[in-house]
Amino acid sequence: MDTSTVAHTIVDSRGSSCPGPITDLAMAYRRAKAGDVIELWATDPGVKADVRAWSAKTGNPILSIDEQGDRIVVVLQIVRR
């Protein structure tokens, strides 16, 4: 895969509660191509379980879930379209 064509998109859903962060992730996913990386920022602790379920359903792997100060940062790789 040519990594020069891979996009890294940041989706800022801080302050949004369920289902906002997953809705924002799904919208970014619709615009993404296979190989792209989506980084989701959220403050709703429920995003951890929600994104795990979304990943299992869509087949797009989670690269990391980290708490960074006041935000939860989820990084996913888009492999399935």
N, C-alpha and C. Protein backbone atom coordinates (compact mmCIF):
# COMPACT_ATOMS: atom_id res chain seq x y z
N MET A 1 0.84 -1.17 0.00
CA MET A 1 0.00 0.00 0.00
C MET A 1 0.89 1.24 0.00
N ASP A 2 0.56 2.21 -0.79
CA ASP A 2 1.28 3.47 -0.87
C ASP A 2 0.83 4.36 0.29
N THR A 3 1.71 4.53 1.29
CA THR A 3 1.33 5.29 2.48
C THR A 3 1.19 6.78 2.22
N SER A 4 1.66 7.26 1.08
CA SER A 4 1.52 8.69 0.80
C SER A 4 0.06 9.07 0.53
N THR A 5 -0.78 8.11 0.26
CA THR A 5 -2.19 8.40 -0.02
C THR A 5 -3.09 8.12 1.19
N VAL A 6 -2.49 7.72 2.30
CA VAL A 6 -3.26 7.43 3.51
C VAL A 6 -3.59 8.73 4.22
N ALA A 7 -4.86 8.91 4.53
CA ALA A 7 -5.30 10.11 5.26
C ALA A 7 -5.39 9.82 6.75
N HIS A 8 -5.10 10.83 7.54
CA HIS A 8 -5.25 10.76 9.00
C HIS A 8 -6.25 11.85 9.37
N THR A 9 -7.43 11.42 9.76
CA THR A 9 -8.52 12.35 10.07
C THR A 9 -8.74 12.41 11.56
N ILE A 10 -8.83 13.62 12.10
CA ILE A 10 -9.17 13.80 13.52
C ILE A 10 -10.64 14.21 13.60
N VAL A 11 -11.39 13.47 14.40
CA VAL A 11 -12.80 13.75 14.63
C VAL A 11 -12.94 14.20 16.08
N ASP A 12 -13.26 15.46 16.27
CA ASP A 12 -13.35 16.05 17.61
C ASP A 12 -14.80 16.01 18.10
N SER A 13 -15.08 15.05 18.97
CA SER A 13 -16.43 14.90 19.54
C SER A 13 -16.44 15.23 21.02
N ARG A 14 -15.45 15.96 21.48
CA ARG A 14 -15.41 16.33 22.90
C ARG A 14 -16.66 17.13 23.26
N GLY A 15 -17.23 16.80 24.40
CA GLY A 15 -18.44 17.48 24.87
C GLY A 15 -19.72 16.84 24.37
N SER A 16 -19.62 15.93 23.44
CA SER A 16 -20.79 15.25 22.90
C SER A 16 -21.03 13.95 23.66
N SER A 17 -22.28 13.65 23.96
CA SER A 17 -22.59 12.40 24.65
C SER A 17 -23.22 11.42 23.67
N CYS A 18 -23.33 10.19 24.11
CA CYS A 18 -23.85 9.10 23.29
C CYS A 18 -25.20 9.49 22.68
N PRO A 19 -25.38 9.27 21.42
CA PRO A 19 -24.56 8.55 20.44
C PRO A 19 -23.66 9.45 19.60
N GLY A 20 -23.45 10.69 20.02
CA GLY A 20 -22.71 11.66 19.23
C GLY A 20 -21.35 11.21 18.72
N PRO A 21 -20.46 10.71 19.61
CA PRO A 21 -19.14 10.32 19.12
C PRO A 21 -19.18 9.20 18.06
N ILE A 22 -20.04 8.22 18.24
CA ILE A 22 -20.11 7.13 17.26
C ILE A 22 -20.75 7.62 15.97
N THR A 23 -21.70 8.52 16.07
CA THR A 23 -22.29 9.11 14.87
C THR A 23 -21.24 9.89 14.10
N ASP A 24 -20.42 10.66 14.81
CA ASP A 24 -19.34 11.41 14.16
C ASP A 24 -18.32 10.47 13.53
N LEU A 25 -18.00 9.38 14.22
CA LEU A 25 -17.08 8.38 13.68
C LEU A 25 -17.66 7.77 12.40
N ALA A 26 -18.93 7.42 12.42
CA ALA A 26 -19.57 6.81 11.25
C ALA A 26 -19.56 7.77 10.05
N MET A 27 -19.75 9.04 10.30
CA MET A 27 -19.71 10.02 9.19
C MET A 27 -18.31 10.11 8.60
N ALA A 28 -17.29 10.11 9.47
CA ALA A 28 -15.91 10.14 8.97
C ALA A 28 -15.58 8.86 8.22
N TYR A 29 -16.09 7.73 8.70
CA TYR A 29 -15.87 6.44 8.05
C TYR A 29 -16.43 6.44 6.63
N ARG A 30 -17.58 7.05 6.43
CA ARG A 30 -18.19 7.09 5.09
C ARG A 30 -17.32 7.84 4.10
N ARG A 31 -16.53 8.80 4.58
CA ARG A 31 -15.65 9.58 3.70
C ARG A 31 -14.27 8.95 3.55
N ALA A 32 -13.93 7.98 4.39
CA ALA A 32 -12.59 7.39 4.41
C ALA A 32 -12.42 6.32 3.34
N LYS A 33 -11.15 6.06 3.06
CA LYS A 33 -10.78 4.99 2.13
C LYS A 33 -10.02 3.93 2.92
N ALA A 34 -9.95 2.73 2.37
CA ALA A 34 -9.19 1.66 3.01
C ALA A 34 -7.76 2.13 3.22
N GLY A 35 -7.24 1.89 4.41
CA GLY A 35 -5.89 2.30 4.78
C GLY A 35 -5.85 3.58 5.59
N ASP A 36 -6.90 4.39 5.50
CA ASP A 36 -6.94 5.64 6.25
C ASP A 36 -7.00 5.38 7.75
N VAL A 37 -6.58 6.38 8.51
CA VAL A 37 -6.63 6.32 9.97
C VAL A 37 -7.59 7.40 10.45
N ILE A 38 -8.47 7.03 11.37
CA ILE A 38 -9.38 7.99 11.99
C ILE A 38 -9.03 8.05 13.47
N GLU A 39 -8.83 9.27 13.97
CA GLU A 39 -8.56 9.52 15.37
C GLU A 39 -9.76 10.24 15.95
N LEU A 40 -10.43 9.59 16.87
CA LEU A 40 -11.64 10.12 17.49
C LEU A 40 -11.30 10.67 18.88
N TRP A 41 -11.64 11.93 19.12
CA TRP A 41 -11.48 12.53 20.44
C TRP A 41 -12.85 12.63 21.09
N ALA A 42 -12.97 12.16 22.31
CA ALA A 42 -14.26 12.18 23.01
C ALA A 42 -14.04 12.41 24.50
N THR A 43 -15.07 12.86 25.17
CA THR A 43 -15.05 13.01 26.62
C THR A 43 -16.05 12.07 27.30
N ASP A 44 -16.95 11.49 26.54
CA ASP A 44 -17.95 10.56 27.06
C ASP A 44 -17.28 9.21 27.31
N PRO A 45 -17.19 8.74 28.57
CA PRO A 45 -16.52 7.47 28.84
C PRO A 45 -17.17 6.27 28.15
N GLY A 46 -18.42 6.40 27.77
CA GLY A 46 -19.11 5.32 27.07
C GLY A 46 -18.55 5.06 25.68
N VAL A 47 -17.73 5.98 25.17
CA VAL A 47 -17.17 5.81 23.83
C VAL A 47 -16.28 4.58 23.76
N LYS A 48 -15.66 4.19 24.86
CA LYS A 48 -14.78 3.02 24.83
C LYS A 48 -15.55 1.77 24.44
N ALA A 49 -16.66 1.51 25.10
CA ALA A 49 -17.47 0.34 24.78
C ALA A 49 -18.12 0.48 23.41
N ASP A 50 -18.58 1.69 23.11
CA ASP A 50 -19.26 1.92 21.82
C ASP A 50 -18.31 1.67 20.65
N VAL A 51 -17.09 2.17 20.75
CA VAL A 51 -16.16 2.02 19.63
C VAL A 51 -15.70 0.56 19.50
N ARG A 52 -15.61 -0.16 20.60
CA ARG A 52 -15.27 -1.58 20.52
C ARG A 52 -16.38 -2.35 19.78
N ALA A 53 -17.63 -2.03 20.07
CA ALA A 53 -18.75 -2.66 19.37
C ALA A 53 -18.77 -2.27 17.90
N TRP A 54 -18.52 -1.00 17.59
CA TRP A 54 -18.48 -0.53 16.20
C TRP A 54 -17.38 -1.25 15.43
N SER A 55 -16.22 -1.37 16.06
CA SER A 55 -15.08 -2.04 15.42
C SER A 55 -15.40 -3.51 15.13
N ALA A 56 -16.00 -4.19 16.09
CA ALA A 56 -16.36 -5.60 15.89
C ALA A 56 -17.39 -5.75 14.77
N LYS A 57 -18.33 -4.83 14.71
CA LYS A 57 -19.38 -4.90 13.69
C LYS A 57 -18.85 -4.61 12.29
N THR A 58 -17.95 -3.62 12.18
CA THR A 58 -17.48 -3.20 10.86
C THR A 58 -16.21 -3.90 10.40
N GLY A 59 -15.46 -4.50 11.33
CA GLY A 59 -14.21 -5.15 10.97
C GLY A 59 -13.03 -4.21 10.84
N ASN A 60 -13.19 -2.97 11.26
CA ASN A 60 -12.10 -2.00 11.23
C ASN A 60 -11.41 -1.98 12.59
N PRO A 61 -10.11 -2.33 12.64
CA PRO A 61 -9.45 -2.51 13.94
C PRO A 61 -9.16 -1.21 14.68
N ILE A 62 -9.20 -1.34 15.99
CA ILE A 62 -8.78 -0.25 16.88
C ILE A 62 -7.28 -0.37 17.05
N LEU A 63 -6.56 0.70 16.79
CA LEU A 63 -5.12 0.70 16.99
C LEU A 63 -4.76 1.08 18.42
N SER A 64 -5.57 1.96 19.01
CA SER A 64 -5.33 2.33 20.42
C SER A 64 -6.55 3.05 20.99
N ILE A 65 -6.66 2.94 22.30
CA ILE A 65 -7.62 3.74 23.08
C ILE A 65 -6.83 4.25 24.27
N ASP A 66 -6.68 5.57 24.35
CA ASP A 66 -5.88 6.18 25.42
C ASP A 66 -6.64 7.32 26.05
N GLU A 67 -6.43 7.50 27.34
CA GLU A 67 -6.95 8.68 28.03
C GLU A 67 -5.81 9.69 28.09
N GLN A 68 -6.05 10.86 27.52
CA GLN A 68 -5.05 11.92 27.48
C GLN A 68 -5.64 13.17 28.12
N GLY A 69 -5.36 13.32 29.40
CA GLY A 69 -5.94 14.45 30.12
C GLY A 69 -7.45 14.33 30.20
N ASP A 70 -8.14 15.33 29.64
CA ASP A 70 -9.60 15.35 29.72
C ASP A 70 -10.27 14.68 28.53
N ARG A 71 -9.51 14.02 27.68
CA ARG A 71 -10.12 13.39 26.51
C ARG A 71 -9.70 11.93 26.36
N ILE A 72 -10.56 11.20 25.70
CA ILE A 72 -10.29 9.82 25.32
C ILE A 72 -9.95 9.87 23.83
N VAL A 73 -8.83 9.28 23.47
CA VAL A 73 -8.39 9.30 22.08
C VAL A 73 -8.42 7.85 21.55
N VAL A 74 -9.23 7.66 20.53
CA VAL A 74 -9.38 6.35 19.90
C VAL A 74 -8.80 6.46 18.49
N VAL A 75 -7.92 5.54 18.14
CA VAL A 75 -7.33 5.54 16.81
C VAL A 75 -7.73 4.24 16.11
N LEU A 76 -8.32 4.37 14.93
CA LEU A 76 -8.79 3.20 14.17
C LEU A 76 -8.17 3.23 12.77
N GLN A 77 -7.97 2.04 12.23
CA GLN A 77 -7.50 1.89 10.85
C GLN A 77 -8.70 1.41 10.02
N ILE A 78 -8.92 2.07 8.90
CA ILE A 78 -10.00 1.65 8.02
C ILE A 78 -9.47 0.60 7.06
N VAL A 79 -9.99 -0.60 7.18
CA VAL A 79 -9.55 -1.70 6.31
C VAL A 79 -10.69 -2.24 5.46
N ARG A 80 -11.91 -1.98 5.89
CA ARG A 80 -13.08 -2.51 5.18
C ARG A 80 -13.98 -1.36 4.75
N ARG A 81 -14.43 -1.41 3.54
CA ARG A 81 -15.36 -0.38 3.02
C ARG A 81 -16.61 -1.05 2.55
